[in-house]
Amino acid sequence: MDVLIVGSGLLGRAVAERLDSLGHGVAVVDESPENLSLLPPGFGGVTFAGFPMDLNVLRRAGIDSCDAVAVTTGDDNLNIAVGQIAKRLFKVKWVAARVADPEREDIFDGDVRTVCPTNMACDKLVTDLLSRQENKRVNFGNATVSLELRPVERRYFGQSTNNVDLPDCGIFAVIRADGEFVLKETAGGIALMEGDVMVISRRID
């Protein structure tokens, strides 16, 4: 299968390397030559430096004849636009686009598959954490994060997670007594109640 990958960040390179190792034909497009240079020396695919919205760049990379396109840049708007171009203009049969914002995961009408790393990570973490193991280590890129379940102390009942003093740690989420998993927003806090369990995160490398 011939696959065009748009975006040579961590995700794009990982997909390119995996497909190349499996014997597929791979072409990678990225606006940054530096990103393309981070592909491993043994990479057997081809690379093209250029703006992914440039139709000439996409044509040089083989979008007219490829079997699938994976759009993996860190820009949701760019991924959505390139995914639509691949599907509607070039009629590529299989198109997948990375969408970081969970609220935009269903933006396409089924013609382009979206992959939301945020939702995927959340689903995995919920599954692992609800197994009630005391500690869990999860890899995000080149960082390892330790996750610990810690019951809320009585003194914090009725208070916000923003008021909990946790040196060198952060509150990733709260698990309610009924099992509901409440993900903590970047700035917003979660009101704590009796029976809650906090998911404490700490980078360990």
Protein backbone atom coordinates (compact mmCIF):
# COMPACT_ATOMS: atom_id res chain seq x y z
CA MET A 1 0.00 0.00 0.00
CA ASP A 2 1.22 3.51 -0.82
CA VAL A 3 0.63 5.99 2.00
CA LEU A 4 1.13 9.75 2.12
CA ILE A 5 1.78 11.13 5.59
CA VAL A 6 1.33 14.86 6.09
CA GLY A 7 3.29 16.03 9.11
CA SER A 8 6.65 14.80 10.34
CA GLY A 9 6.21 15.42 14.06
CA LEU A 10 6.41 12.67 16.67
CA LEU A 11 3.20 11.01 15.52
CA GLY A 12 3.87 11.37 11.81
CA ARG A 13 7.38 9.95 12.12
CA ALA A 14 6.15 7.05 14.23
CA VAL A 15 3.49 6.15 11.65
CA ALA A 16 5.96 6.55 8.79
CA GLU A 17 8.57 4.35 10.45
CA ARG A 18 6.02 1.65 11.32
CA LEU A 19 4.54 1.50 7.81
CA ASP A 20 7.98 1.54 6.22
CA SER A 21 9.11 -1.35 8.44
CA LEU A 22 6.04 -3.30 7.31
CA GLY A 23 7.04 -2.90 3.67
CA HIS A 24 4.58 -0.23 2.56
CA GLY A 25 5.47 2.66 0.28
CA VAL A 26 5.65 5.84 2.35
CA ALA A 27 5.92 9.51 1.41
CA VAL A 28 6.14 12.21 4.08
CA VAL A 29 5.35 15.90 3.63
CA ASP A 30 6.28 18.59 6.14
CA GLU A 31 6.83 22.31 5.93
CA SER A 32 9.98 21.95 8.03
CA PRO A 33 13.05 20.25 6.50
CA GLU A 34 14.34 19.91 10.07
CA ASN A 35 11.35 17.74 11.02
CA LEU A 36 11.92 15.56 7.98
CA SER A 37 15.58 15.15 8.91
CA LEU A 38 14.51 13.51 12.18
CA LEU A 39 13.32 10.42 10.34
CA PRO A 40 15.77 7.56 11.00
CA PRO A 41 18.71 7.01 8.63
CA GLY A 42 17.27 3.66 7.56
CA PHE A 43 13.92 5.12 6.53
CA GLY A 44 13.10 3.79 3.08
CA GLY A 45 10.39 6.25 2.11
CA VAL A 46 10.61 9.60 0.37
CA THR A 47 10.25 13.08 1.87
CA PHE A 48 9.01 16.39 0.52
CA ALA A 49 9.47 19.78 2.15
CA GLY A 50 6.63 22.18 1.51
CA PHE A 51 3.39 23.66 2.79
CA PRO A 52 0.82 20.83 3.10
CA MET A 53 -1.98 23.01 1.67
CA ASP A 54 0.01 23.54 -1.54
CA LEU A 55 -1.60 21.28 -4.15
CA ASN A 56 1.65 21.11 -6.14
CA VAL A 57 3.50 19.83 -3.07
CA LEU A 58 0.84 17.19 -2.50
CA ARG A 59 0.97 16.13 -6.15
CA ARG A 60 4.77 15.83 -6.06
CA ALA A 61 4.38 13.62 -3.00
CA GLY A 62 2.07 11.32 -4.94
CA ILE A 63 -1.38 12.11 -3.56
CA ASP A 64 -2.90 11.42 -7.00
CA SER A 65 -1.94 7.76 -6.83
CA CYS A 66 -1.68 6.91 -3.14
CA ASP A 67 -3.98 4.44 -1.41
CA ALA A 68 -4.25 6.33 1.89
CA VAL A 69 -3.44 9.66 3.52
CA ALA A 70 -2.69 10.28 7.19
CA VAL A 71 -2.68 13.93 8.30
CA THR A 72 -0.77 14.20 11.57
CA THR A 73 0.37 17.81 12.09
CA GLY A 74 -0.15 19.60 15.39
CA ASP A 75 -2.62 22.06 13.82
CA ASP A 76 -6.23 20.85 13.91
CA ASN A 77 -7.38 23.38 11.32
CA LEU A 78 -4.65 22.37 8.91
CA ASN A 79 -5.37 18.67 9.43
CA ILE A 80 -9.07 19.16 8.78
CA ALA A 81 -8.42 21.18 5.62
CA VAL A 82 -5.85 18.76 4.19
CA GLY A 83 -8.08 15.79 5.04
CA GLN A 84 -10.92 17.36 3.08
CA ILE A 85 -8.63 18.13 0.14
CA ALA A 86 -7.37 14.55 0.05
CA LYS A 87 -10.86 13.08 0.17
CA ARG A 88 -12.91 15.49 -1.92
CA LEU A 89 -10.43 16.83 -4.46
CA PHE A 90 -8.07 13.90 -4.92
CA LYS A 91 -10.62 11.18 -4.10
CA VAL A 92 -8.24 9.24 -1.85
CA LYS A 93 -10.10 6.20 -0.57
CA TRP A 94 -8.72 6.10 2.99
CA VAL A 95 -8.06 9.36 4.82
CA ALA A 96 -7.35 9.78 8.54
CA ALA A 97 -6.73 13.08 10.31
CA ARG A 98 -5.37 13.79 13.76
CA VAL A 99 -7.61 16.11 15.79
CA ALA A 100 -6.31 17.13 19.21
CA ASP A 101 -9.50 18.88 20.36
CA PRO A 102 -12.03 16.22 21.49
CA GLU A 103 -14.93 18.53 20.60
CA ARG A 104 -13.86 18.47 16.95
CA GLU A 105 -13.48 14.71 16.62
CA ASP A 106 -16.84 14.38 14.85
CA ILE A 107 -16.32 17.32 12.50
CA PHE A 108 -16.29 15.15 9.37
CA ASP A 109 -19.35 13.44 7.91
CA GLY A 110 -17.80 9.99 7.99
CA ASP A 111 -15.72 10.45 4.82
CA VAL A 112 -12.55 11.20 6.81
CA ARG A 113 -11.67 9.22 9.90
CA THR A 114 -10.50 11.33 12.82
CA VAL A 115 -8.08 10.17 15.49
CA CYS A 116 -8.09 12.12 18.75
CA PRO A 117 -4.99 11.41 20.89
CA THR A 118 -6.64 13.20 23.82
CA ASN A 119 -9.64 10.89 23.84
CA MET A 120 -7.49 7.82 23.21
CA ALA A 121 -5.19 8.68 26.12
CA CYS A 122 -8.17 9.44 28.35
CA ASP A 123 -9.85 6.13 27.50
CA LYS A 124 -6.69 4.18 28.27
CA LEU A 125 -6.07 6.04 31.51
CA VAL A 126 -9.65 5.54 32.69
CA THR A 127 -9.44 1.82 31.93
CA ASP A 128 -6.13 1.46 33.72
CA LEU A 129 -7.05 3.60 36.69
CA LEU A 130 -10.41 1.98 37.31
CA SER A 131 -8.59 -1.33 37.65
CA ARG A 132 -7.67 0.16 41.07
CA GLN A 133 -3.97 -0.50 40.81
CA GLU A 134 -2.15 1.73 43.26
CA ASN A 135 0.29 3.21 40.78
CA LYS A 136 0.53 3.33 37.03
CA ARG A 137 3.25 4.57 34.71
CA VAL A 138 2.29 6.01 31.35
CA ASN A 139 4.56 7.23 28.55
CA PHE A 140 3.72 10.50 26.77
CA GLY A 141 6.26 11.12 24.02
CA ASN A 142 9.67 10.92 25.73
CA ALA A 143 8.29 11.56 29.23
CA THR A 144 7.16 9.01 31.80
CA VAL A 145 4.36 10.03 34.16
CA SER A 146 3.44 8.25 37.38
CA LEU A 147 -0.27 8.17 38.20
CA GLU A 148 -1.46 7.47 41.72
CA LEU A 149 -4.94 7.12 43.21
CA ARG A 150 -5.32 9.12 46.42
CA PRO A 151 -8.58 9.43 48.41
CA VAL A 152 -9.63 13.01 49.14
CA GLU A 153 -8.91 14.04 52.72
CA ARG A 154 -11.84 15.22 54.83
CA ARG A 155 -10.39 18.74 55.10
CA TYR A 156 -10.82 19.20 51.34
CA PHE A 157 -14.49 18.20 51.16
CA GLY A 158 -16.40 21.01 49.43
CA GLN A 159 -13.22 22.68 48.18
CA SER A 160 -11.76 22.95 44.70
CA THR A 161 -8.86 20.86 43.46
CA ASN A 162 -7.07 24.19 42.99
CA ASN A 163 -6.85 24.45 46.78
CA VAL A 164 -5.12 21.10 47.26
CA ASP A 165 -1.42 21.51 48.06
CA LEU A 166 0.59 18.87 46.18
CA PRO A 167 4.27 19.86 45.80
CA ASP A 168 5.86 18.48 42.61
CA CYS A 169 2.56 16.81 41.63
CA GLY A 170 -0.63 17.72 39.82
CA ILE A 171 -4.22 16.54 39.86
CA PHE A 172 -4.98 14.88 36.52
CA ALA A 173 -8.58 13.92 37.28
CA VAL A 174 -11.05 12.94 39.99
CA ILE A 175 -12.95 9.65 40.22
CA ARG A 176 -16.32 10.06 41.90
CA ALA A 177 -17.71 7.52 44.35
CA ASP A 178 -20.06 6.23 41.62
CA GLY A 179 -17.13 5.68 39.22
CA GLU A 180 -17.58 8.84 37.12
CA PHE A 181 -14.23 10.04 35.75
CA VAL A 182 -13.90 13.86 35.76
CA LEU A 183 -10.93 15.17 33.78
CA LYS A 184 -9.38 18.34 35.19
CA GLU A 185 -9.24 21.24 32.76
CA THR A 186 -6.03 23.25 32.47
CA ALA A 187 -7.16 26.16 34.66
CA GLY A 188 -10.53 25.09 36.04
CA GLY A 189 -10.90 23.23 39.30
CA ILE A 190 -13.14 20.34 40.36
CA ALA A 191 -15.31 20.54 43.46
CA LEU A 192 -14.28 17.71 45.77
CA MET A 193 -16.77 15.56 47.67
CA GLU A 194 -16.70 12.77 50.20
CA GLY A 195 -15.82 9.50 48.54
CA ASP A 196 -13.84 11.10 45.71
CA VAL A 197 -10.46 9.74 44.65
CA MET A 198 -7.92 12.05 43.06
CA VAL A 199 -5.70 10.91 40.19
CA ILE A 200 -2.31 12.41 41.06
CA SER A 201 0.23 12.82 38.27
CA ARG A 202 3.98 13.29 38.62
CA ARG A 203 6.67 13.29 35.96
CA ILE A 204 9.37 10.82 36.93
CA ASP A 205 11.89 11.29 34.13
